[in-house]
Amino acid sequence: MCVNRCPGRALMREKIWWRGLEKHKLYFKRCRPVMARYLGCGICMKVCPIQKYGLQSVMEHYAETGQVLGKGTHDLEGFELEGKGYFGPGELPVFDRGFFDMPRGDTEEWAFENFKEKARAAGGVITDDLLQEFRDQVALGLSQSRDNLEMMEEVDYI
């Protein structure tokens, strides 16, 4: 269910075995831009019948009817994305190619590129304020956990 409703199409249809469970593969590079721009997204959880109705209700309904409770209904599958509108069952937003372009490299590289761009725009003049901004951005980058940066380069699974 959640695979079909993922706005970023980050959940693959085929399942894989991961740590003893069969799960849908998550492509982090497709999920991250949606999560970043839509304050955590969470559509996969919002359209999960177990999250919405509870395991017992879903299992009882399935045992009685052979159908997933709420499947194909606006009550379960409808969601809204700010600036994109409402999407009912079977509808997904369309994003342009650039939507999924996320910054590459680490924060320090970004800070240096940002510094160079601002220095060029100022005609090559490097002010104390520009140097201080660069120092602050590098310090921030160095303080960030390397575990988080490495995770962003890997394919993750849910």
N, C-alpha and C. Protein backbone atom coordinates (compact mmCIF):
# COMPACT_ATOMS: atom_id res chain seq x y z
N MET A 1 0.83 -1.20 0.00
CA MET A 1 0.00 0.00 0.00
C MET A 1 0.87 1.25 0.00
N CYS A 2 1.79 1.35 0.99
CA CYS A 2 2.61 2.56 1.07
C CYS A 2 3.53 2.69 -0.14
N VAL A 3 3.91 1.58 -0.75
CA VAL A 3 4.78 1.62 -1.92
C VAL A 3 4.12 2.43 -3.04
N ASN A 4 2.84 2.25 -3.25
CA ASN A 4 2.12 2.94 -4.32
C ASN A 4 1.83 4.40 -4.01
N ARG A 5 1.93 4.80 -2.77
CA ARG A 5 1.57 6.17 -2.39
C ARG A 5 2.77 7.06 -2.14
N CYS A 6 3.98 6.53 -2.17
CA CYS A 6 5.18 7.32 -1.88
C CYS A 6 5.34 8.43 -2.92
N PRO A 7 5.27 9.71 -2.50
CA PRO A 7 5.38 10.82 -3.46
C PRO A 7 6.70 10.84 -4.21
N GLY A 8 7.78 10.42 -3.58
CA GLY A 8 9.08 10.43 -4.23
C GLY A 8 9.40 9.15 -4.96
N ARG A 9 8.45 8.20 -4.91
CA ARG A 9 8.65 6.88 -5.51
C ARG A 9 9.97 6.27 -5.02
N ALA A 10 10.20 6.40 -3.71
CA ALA A 10 11.45 5.94 -3.10
C ALA A 10 11.37 4.49 -2.62
N LEU A 11 10.17 3.94 -2.52
CA LEU A 11 10.00 2.55 -2.10
C LEU A 11 9.84 1.67 -3.32
N MET A 12 10.74 0.74 -3.49
CA MET A 12 10.70 -0.14 -4.64
C MET A 12 9.65 -1.23 -4.46
N ARG A 13 9.04 -1.61 -5.55
CA ARG A 13 7.98 -2.63 -5.51
C ARG A 13 8.48 -3.99 -5.08
N GLU A 14 9.68 -4.37 -5.54
CA GLU A 14 10.20 -5.69 -5.17
C GLU A 14 10.74 -5.64 -3.74
N LYS A 15 10.56 -6.72 -3.02
CA LYS A 15 11.04 -6.79 -1.64
C LYS A 15 12.39 -7.50 -1.61
N ILE A 16 13.14 -7.20 -0.56
CA ILE A 16 14.41 -7.88 -0.32
C ILE A 16 14.41 -8.39 1.12
N TRP A 17 15.29 -9.34 1.40
CA TRP A 17 15.45 -9.82 2.77
C TRP A 17 16.50 -8.96 3.44
N TRP A 18 16.16 -8.38 4.58
CA TRP A 18 17.05 -7.51 5.32
C TRP A 18 16.90 -7.80 6.79
N ARG A 19 17.97 -8.26 7.41
CA ARG A 19 17.99 -8.57 8.84
C ARG A 19 16.85 -9.49 9.25
N GLY A 20 16.61 -10.50 8.43
CA GLY A 20 15.63 -11.52 8.76
C GLY A 20 14.19 -11.20 8.40
N LEU A 21 13.95 -10.06 7.77
CA LEU A 21 12.59 -9.68 7.37
C LEU A 21 12.58 -9.32 5.89
N GLU A 22 11.46 -9.58 5.25
CA GLU A 22 11.30 -9.19 3.86
C GLU A 22 10.73 -7.78 3.83
N LYS A 23 11.46 -6.86 3.19
CA LYS A 23 11.07 -5.45 3.21
C LYS A 23 11.21 -4.83 1.83
N HIS A 24 10.54 -3.70 1.65
CA HIS A 24 10.69 -2.92 0.42
C HIS A 24 11.95 -2.08 0.54
N LYS A 25 12.75 -2.07 -0.50
CA LYS A 25 13.99 -1.31 -0.52
C LYS A 25 13.66 0.17 -0.61
N LEU A 26 14.35 0.96 0.16
CA LEU A 26 14.17 2.41 0.16
C LEU A 26 15.39 3.04 -0.49
N TYR A 27 15.15 3.86 -1.50
CA TYR A 27 16.23 4.61 -2.12
C TYR A 27 16.30 5.98 -1.45
N PHE A 28 17.29 6.11 -0.59
CA PHE A 28 17.46 7.31 0.22
C PHE A 28 17.54 8.57 -0.63
N LYS A 29 18.20 8.49 -1.78
CA LYS A 29 18.38 9.67 -2.62
C LYS A 29 17.06 10.15 -3.24
N ARG A 30 16.04 9.31 -3.23
CA ARG A 30 14.71 9.75 -3.71
C ARG A 30 13.84 10.17 -2.52
N CYS A 31 14.09 9.57 -1.36
CA CYS A 31 13.30 9.88 -0.17
C CYS A 31 13.74 11.21 0.46
N ARG A 32 15.04 11.40 0.57
CA ARG A 32 15.58 12.56 1.28
C ARG A 32 15.06 13.91 0.76
N PRO A 33 15.01 14.15 -0.55
CA PRO A 33 14.51 15.45 -1.01
C PRO A 33 13.06 15.70 -0.61
N VAL A 34 12.24 14.66 -0.64
CA VAL A 34 10.83 14.82 -0.25
C VAL A 34 10.76 15.09 1.25
N MET A 35 11.51 14.32 2.03
CA MET A 35 11.53 14.51 3.48
C MET A 35 11.99 15.92 3.83
N ALA A 36 13.01 16.40 3.15
CA ALA A 36 13.57 17.72 3.44
C ALA A 36 12.60 18.84 3.08
N ARG A 37 11.90 18.70 1.97
CA ARG A 37 11.05 19.79 1.49
C ARG A 37 9.64 19.76 2.08
N TYR A 38 9.23 18.62 2.58
CA TYR A 38 7.86 18.51 3.12
C TYR A 38 7.85 18.14 4.59
N LEU A 39 8.80 18.69 5.33
CA LEU A 39 8.85 18.56 6.78
C LEU A 39 8.66 17.14 7.28
N GLY A 40 9.36 16.21 6.68
CA GLY A 40 9.32 14.83 7.13
C GLY A 40 8.39 13.94 6.34
N CYS A 41 7.57 14.48 5.49
CA CYS A 41 6.68 13.71 4.62
C CYS A 41 5.81 12.75 5.42
N GLY A 42 6.28 11.51 5.63
CA GLY A 42 5.53 10.53 6.40
C GLY A 42 4.33 9.95 5.70
N ILE A 43 4.21 10.16 4.38
CA ILE A 43 3.06 9.63 3.64
C ILE A 43 2.98 8.12 3.80
N CYS A 44 4.13 7.44 3.80
CA CYS A 44 4.12 5.98 3.93
C CYS A 44 3.43 5.55 5.21
N MET A 45 3.59 6.31 6.29
CA MET A 45 2.93 5.97 7.55
C MET A 45 1.47 6.40 7.55
N LYS A 46 1.19 7.54 6.91
CA LYS A 46 -0.18 8.04 6.87
C LYS A 46 -1.11 7.13 6.08
N VAL A 47 -0.58 6.44 5.07
CA VAL A 47 -1.43 5.59 4.23
C VAL A 47 -1.32 4.11 4.59
N CYS A 48 -0.66 3.81 5.70
CA CYS A 48 -0.53 2.43 6.15
C CYS A 48 -1.81 2.04 6.91
N PRO A 49 -2.52 1.02 6.46
CA PRO A 49 -3.77 0.65 7.13
C PRO A 49 -3.56 0.25 8.59
N ILE A 50 -2.44 -0.35 8.89
CA ILE A 50 -2.18 -0.75 10.29
C ILE A 50 -1.97 0.47 11.16
N GLN A 51 -1.27 1.47 10.65
CA GLN A 51 -1.07 2.72 11.39
C GLN A 51 -2.41 3.45 11.59
N LYS A 52 -3.26 3.41 10.58
CA LYS A 52 -4.53 4.15 10.63
C LYS A 52 -5.61 3.45 11.44
N TYR A 53 -5.76 2.13 11.22
CA TYR A 53 -6.89 1.41 11.82
C TYR A 53 -6.49 0.43 12.91
N GLY A 54 -5.21 0.10 13.00
CA GLY A 54 -4.76 -0.87 13.99
C GLY A 54 -4.66 -2.27 13.39
N LEU A 55 -3.71 -3.04 13.88
CA LEU A 55 -3.44 -4.37 13.35
C LEU A 55 -4.65 -5.29 13.47
N GLN A 56 -5.30 -5.29 14.61
CA GLN A 56 -6.42 -6.21 14.80
C GLN A 56 -7.55 -5.94 13.81
N SER A 57 -7.92 -4.68 13.63
CA SER A 57 -9.00 -4.34 12.69
C SER A 57 -8.64 -4.73 11.27
N VAL A 58 -7.40 -4.45 10.88
CA VAL A 58 -6.95 -4.76 9.52
C VAL A 58 -6.96 -6.27 9.30
N MET A 59 -6.46 -7.03 10.26
CA MET A 59 -6.41 -8.48 10.12
C MET A 59 -7.80 -9.11 10.12
N GLU A 60 -8.71 -8.63 10.98
CA GLU A 60 -10.08 -9.14 11.00
C GLU A 60 -10.78 -8.87 9.67
N HIS A 61 -10.61 -7.65 9.15
CA HIS A 61 -11.23 -7.30 7.88
C HIS A 61 -10.68 -8.18 6.76
N TYR A 62 -9.37 -8.40 6.77
CA TYR A 62 -8.75 -9.23 5.74
C TYR A 62 -9.24 -10.67 5.83
N ALA A 63 -9.36 -11.18 7.04
CA ALA A 63 -9.84 -12.56 7.23
C ALA A 63 -11.27 -12.71 6.72
N GLU A 64 -12.10 -11.69 6.90
CA GLU A 64 -13.50 -11.74 6.49
C GLU A 64 -13.68 -11.52 4.99
N THR A 65 -12.88 -10.60 4.41
CA THR A 65 -13.14 -10.18 3.03
C THR A 65 -12.02 -10.51 2.04
N GLY A 66 -10.82 -10.75 2.54
CA GLY A 66 -9.67 -10.95 1.66
C GLY A 66 -9.14 -9.63 1.10
N GLN A 67 -9.61 -8.51 1.63
CA GLN A 67 -9.22 -7.19 1.16
C GLN A 67 -8.51 -6.41 2.26
N VAL A 68 -7.65 -5.49 1.86
CA VAL A 68 -6.98 -4.61 2.81
C VAL A 68 -7.96 -3.50 3.21
N LEU A 69 -8.15 -3.32 4.50
CA LEU A 69 -9.07 -2.32 5.03
C LEU A 69 -8.68 -0.92 4.53
N GLY A 70 -9.60 -0.23 3.90
CA GLY A 70 -9.39 1.13 3.43
C GLY A 70 -8.71 1.27 2.09
N LYS A 71 -8.27 0.16 1.50
CA LYS A 71 -7.55 0.24 0.23
C LYS A 71 -8.42 0.89 -0.85
N GLY A 72 -7.83 1.87 -1.55
CA GLY A 72 -8.54 2.55 -2.62
C GLY A 72 -9.48 3.66 -2.16
N THR A 73 -9.50 3.97 -0.86
CA THR A 73 -10.40 5.01 -0.35
C THR A 73 -9.63 6.30 -0.06
N HIS A 74 -10.33 7.40 -0.13
CA HIS A 74 -9.74 8.69 0.23
C HIS A 74 -9.41 8.72 1.71
N ASP A 75 -10.20 8.03 2.52
CA ASP A 75 -9.98 8.01 3.96
C ASP A 75 -8.57 7.50 4.29
N LEU A 76 -8.14 6.46 3.61
CA LEU A 76 -6.82 5.90 3.88
C LEU A 76 -5.75 6.46 2.95
N GLU A 77 -6.01 6.52 1.68
CA GLU A 77 -4.96 6.80 0.71
C GLU A 77 -4.82 8.27 0.30
N GLY A 78 -5.74 9.12 0.72
CA GLY A 78 -5.64 10.53 0.34
C GLY A 78 -4.62 11.27 1.19
N PHE A 79 -3.88 12.17 0.56
CA PHE A 79 -2.94 13.01 1.30
C PHE A 79 -2.74 14.32 0.57
N GLU A 80 -2.22 15.30 1.29
CA GLU A 80 -1.97 16.61 0.71
C GLU A 80 -0.52 16.98 0.91
N LEU A 81 0.08 17.58 -0.09
CA LEU A 81 1.43 18.12 0.02
C LEU A 81 1.34 19.63 -0.18
N GLU A 82 1.94 20.37 0.74
CA GLU A 82 1.90 21.82 0.68
C GLU A 82 2.45 22.32 -0.66
N GLY A 83 1.68 23.15 -1.30
CA GLY A 83 2.10 23.72 -2.57
C GLY A 83 1.84 22.81 -3.77
N LYS A 84 1.48 21.56 -3.53
CA LYS A 84 1.22 20.61 -4.62
C LYS A 84 -0.26 20.24 -4.70
N GLY A 85 -0.94 20.31 -3.57
CA GLY A 85 -2.37 19.99 -3.55
C GLY A 85 -2.68 18.64 -2.95
N TYR A 86 -3.91 18.20 -3.23
CA TYR A 86 -4.43 16.95 -2.69
C TYR A 86 -4.26 15.83 -3.71
N PHE A 87 -3.94 14.65 -3.22
CA PHE A 87 -3.78 13.47 -4.06
C PHE A 87 -4.61 12.34 -3.50
N GLY A 88 -5.57 11.87 -4.30
CA GLY A 88 -6.42 10.77 -3.90
C GLY A 88 -5.83 9.44 -4.31
N PRO A 89 -6.59 8.36 -4.11
CA PRO A 89 -6.10 7.03 -4.49
C PRO A 89 -5.65 7.00 -5.95
N GLY A 90 -4.47 6.47 -6.18
CA GLY A 90 -3.95 6.34 -7.54
C GLY A 90 -3.30 7.59 -8.08
N GLU A 91 -3.33 8.69 -7.35
CA GLU A 91 -2.74 9.95 -7.82
C GLU A 91 -1.43 10.22 -7.08
N LEU A 92 -0.44 10.69 -7.80
CA LEU A 92 0.84 11.05 -7.20
C LEU A 92 1.30 12.39 -7.77
N PRO A 93 2.05 13.15 -6.97
CA PRO A 93 2.58 14.41 -7.49
C PRO A 93 3.66 14.15 -8.53
N VAL A 94 3.89 15.15 -9.36
CA VAL A 94 4.97 15.09 -10.35
C VAL A 94 5.99 16.14 -9.95
N PHE A 95 7.25 15.72 -9.90
CA PHE A 95 8.34 16.63 -9.58
C PHE A 95 9.26 16.74 -10.79
N ASP A 96 9.81 17.94 -11.01
CA ASP A 96 10.76 18.06 -12.12
C ASP A 96 12.08 17.41 -11.72
N ARG A 97 12.91 17.17 -12.69
CA ARG A 97 14.17 16.45 -12.48
C ARG A 97 15.04 17.12 -11.41
N GLY A 98 15.07 18.42 -11.39
CA GLY A 98 15.90 19.16 -10.44
C GLY A 98 15.47 18.99 -8.99
N PHE A 99 14.24 18.59 -8.77
CA PHE A 99 13.73 18.41 -7.41
C PHE A 99 14.59 17.43 -6.62
N PHE A 100 15.12 16.41 -7.29
CA PHE A 100 15.88 15.37 -6.61
C PHE A 100 17.38 15.66 -6.54
N ASP A 101 17.81 16.82 -7.07
CA ASP A 101 19.22 17.19 -6.97
C ASP A 101 19.48 17.72 -5.56
N MET A 102 20.31 17.01 -4.84
CA MET A 102 20.67 17.42 -3.50
C MET A 102 22.16 17.74 -3.48
N PRO A 103 22.58 18.60 -2.56
CA PRO A 103 24.00 18.96 -2.49
C PRO A 103 24.88 17.72 -2.33
N ARG A 104 26.03 17.73 -2.95
CA ARG A 104 27.00 16.64 -2.85
C ARG A 104 28.21 17.14 -2.05
N GLY A 105 28.96 16.21 -1.52
CA GLY A 105 30.15 16.58 -0.77
C GLY A 105 29.81 16.93 0.67
N ASP A 106 30.82 17.37 1.39
CA ASP A 106 30.58 17.70 2.79
C ASP A 106 30.37 19.20 2.98
N THR A 107 30.05 19.57 4.19
CA THR A 107 29.72 20.96 4.50
C THR A 107 30.90 21.89 4.26
N GLU A 108 32.11 21.41 4.54
CA GLU A 108 33.29 22.24 4.34
C GLU A 108 33.50 22.57 2.86
N GLU A 109 33.28 21.58 1.99
CA GLU A 109 33.40 21.84 0.54
C GLU A 109 32.35 22.86 0.11
N TRP A 110 31.13 22.70 0.61
CA TRP A 110 30.07 23.65 0.27
C TRP A 110 30.45 25.05 0.76
N ALA A 111 31.00 25.14 1.99
CA ALA A 111 31.38 26.44 2.55
C ALA A 111 32.44 27.12 1.68
N PHE A 112 33.41 26.34 1.18
CA PHE A 112 34.46 26.91 0.35
C PHE A 112 33.92 27.39 -0.99
N GLU A 113 33.05 26.58 -1.60
CA GLU A 113 32.44 26.98 -2.87
C GLU A 113 31.59 28.24 -2.68
N ASN A 114 30.86 28.31 -1.58
CA ASN A 114 30.04 29.48 -1.25
C ASN A 114 30.93 30.70 -1.06
N PHE A 115 32.04 30.53 -0.35
CA PHE A 115 33.00 31.61 -0.12
C PHE A 115 33.55 32.14 -1.45
N LYS A 116 33.98 31.23 -2.34
CA LYS A 116 34.53 31.64 -3.63
C LYS A 116 33.49 32.41 -4.45
N GLU A 117 32.26 31.90 -4.46
CA GLU A 117 31.20 32.55 -5.23
C GLU A 117 30.94 33.96 -4.72
N LYS A 118 30.90 34.14 -3.40
CA LYS A 118 30.65 35.48 -2.83
C LYS A 118 31.83 36.41 -3.07
N ALA A 119 33.05 35.87 -3.02
CA ALA A 119 34.24 36.69 -3.28
C ALA A 119 34.26 37.15 -4.74
N ARG A 120 33.90 36.26 -5.66
CA ARG A 120 33.83 36.64 -7.09
C ARG A 120 32.78 37.74 -7.29
N ALA A 121 31.62 37.55 -6.66
CA ALA A 121 30.52 38.52 -6.80
C ALA A 121 30.92 39.88 -6.25
N ALA A 122 31.85 39.90 -5.27
CA ALA A 122 32.32 41.16 -4.69
C ALA A 122 33.54 41.70 -5.42
N GLY A 123 33.79 41.15 -6.61
CA GLY A 123 34.92 41.63 -7.41
C GLY A 123 36.26 41.21 -6.86
N GLY A 124 36.30 40.14 -6.12
CA GLY A 124 37.56 39.63 -5.57
C GLY A 124 37.93 40.21 -4.21
N VAL A 125 37.07 41.08 -3.71
CA VAL A 125 37.33 41.70 -2.41
C VAL A 125 36.88 40.75 -1.30
N ILE A 126 37.82 40.43 -0.41
CA ILE A 126 37.51 39.52 0.70
C ILE A 126 37.48 40.35 1.98
N THR A 127 36.28 40.48 2.52
CA THR A 127 36.10 41.29 3.73
C THR A 127 36.23 40.41 4.97
N ASP A 128 36.38 41.09 6.12
CA ASP A 128 36.42 40.36 7.39
C ASP A 128 35.12 39.61 7.63
N ASP A 129 34.00 40.21 7.25
CA ASP A 129 32.71 39.55 7.43
C ASP A 129 32.62 38.27 6.58
N LEU A 130 33.11 38.34 5.35
CA LEU A 130 33.08 37.17 4.48
C LEU A 130 33.96 36.06 5.05
N LEU A 131 35.14 36.42 5.56
CA LEU A 131 36.02 35.43 6.18
C LEU A 131 35.38 34.82 7.43
N GLN A 132 34.73 35.65 8.22
CA GLN A 132 34.09 35.13 9.43
C GLN A 132 32.95 34.19 9.08
N GLU A 133 32.16 34.52 8.06
CA GLU A 133 31.08 33.63 7.62
C GLU A 133 31.65 32.28 7.18
N PHE A 134 32.75 32.32 6.43
CA PHE A 134 33.41 31.10 5.98
C PHE A 134 33.90 30.28 7.18
N ARG A 135 34.54 30.94 8.15
CA ARG A 135 35.01 30.23 9.37
C ARG A 135 33.84 29.56 10.09
N ASP A 136 32.73 30.28 10.22
CA ASP A 136 31.56 29.74 10.93
C ASP A 136 30.99 28.52 10.21
N GLN A 137 30.93 28.60 8.88
CA GLN A 137 30.38 27.48 8.11
C GLN A 137 31.30 26.26 8.18
N VAL A 138 32.62 26.47 8.15
CA VAL A 138 33.56 25.36 8.26
C VAL A 138 33.47 24.75 9.66
N ALA A 139 33.39 25.60 10.68
CA ALA A 139 33.28 25.09 12.05
C ALA A 139 32.01 24.25 12.22
N LEU A 140 30.92 24.69 11.63
CA LEU A 140 29.68 23.93 11.69
C LEU A 140 29.86 22.57 11.02
N GLY A 141 30.48 22.57 9.85
CA GLY A 141 30.71 21.32 9.13
C GLY A 141 31.57 20.36 9.92
N LEU A 142 32.61 20.88 10.55
CA LEU A 142 33.51 20.02 11.32
C LEU A 142 32.84 19.48 12.58
N SER A 143 31.82 20.18 13.06
CA SER A 143 31.14 19.72 14.27
C SER A 143 30.07 18.66 14.00
N GLN A 144 29.69 18.50 12.74
CA GLN A 144 28.65 17.53 12.40
C GLN A 144 29.19 16.11 12.47
N SER A 145 28.30 15.20 12.80
CA SER A 145 28.67 13.79 12.90
C SER A 145 29.00 13.23 11.53
N ARG A 146 30.14 12.59 11.40
CA ARG A 146 30.52 11.93 10.15
C ARG A 146 29.61 10.75 9.87
N ASP A 147 29.03 10.16 10.92
CA ASP A 147 28.10 9.05 10.71
C ASP A 147 26.91 9.50 9.88
N ASN A 148 26.39 10.70 10.17
CA ASN A 148 25.24 11.21 9.42
C ASN A 148 25.60 11.47 7.97
N LEU A 149 26.78 12.02 7.73
CA LEU A 149 27.19 12.30 6.35
C LEU A 149 27.39 11.02 5.56
N GLU A 150 27.99 10.00 6.19
CA GLU A 150 28.20 8.73 5.50
C GLU A 150 26.87 8.06 5.20
N MET A 151 25.91 8.16 6.12
CA MET A 151 24.61 7.54 5.93
C MET A 151 23.92 8.12 4.69
N MET A 152 24.13 9.41 4.43
CA MET A 152 23.46 10.06 3.31
C MET A 152 23.97 9.55 1.98
N GLU A 153 25.13 8.92 1.94
CA GLU A 153 25.67 8.38 0.70
C GLU A 153 25.24 6.94 0.44
N GLU A 154 24.75 6.26 1.47
CA GLU A 154 24.41 4.84 1.34
C GLU A 154 22.94 4.66 0.97
N VAL A 155 22.62 3.51 0.44
CA VAL A 155 21.23 3.14 0.22
C VAL A 155 20.73 2.59 1.54
N ASP A 156 19.59 3.05 1.97
CA ASP A 156 19.03 2.64 3.25
C ASP A 156 17.83 1.73 3.01
N TYR A 157 17.44 1.01 4.02
CA TYR A 157 16.30 0.12 3.91
C TYR A 157 15.35 0.38 5.08
N ILE A 158 14.05 0.23 4.81
CA ILE A 158 13.10 0.30 5.91
C ILE A 158 12.46 -1.06 6.08
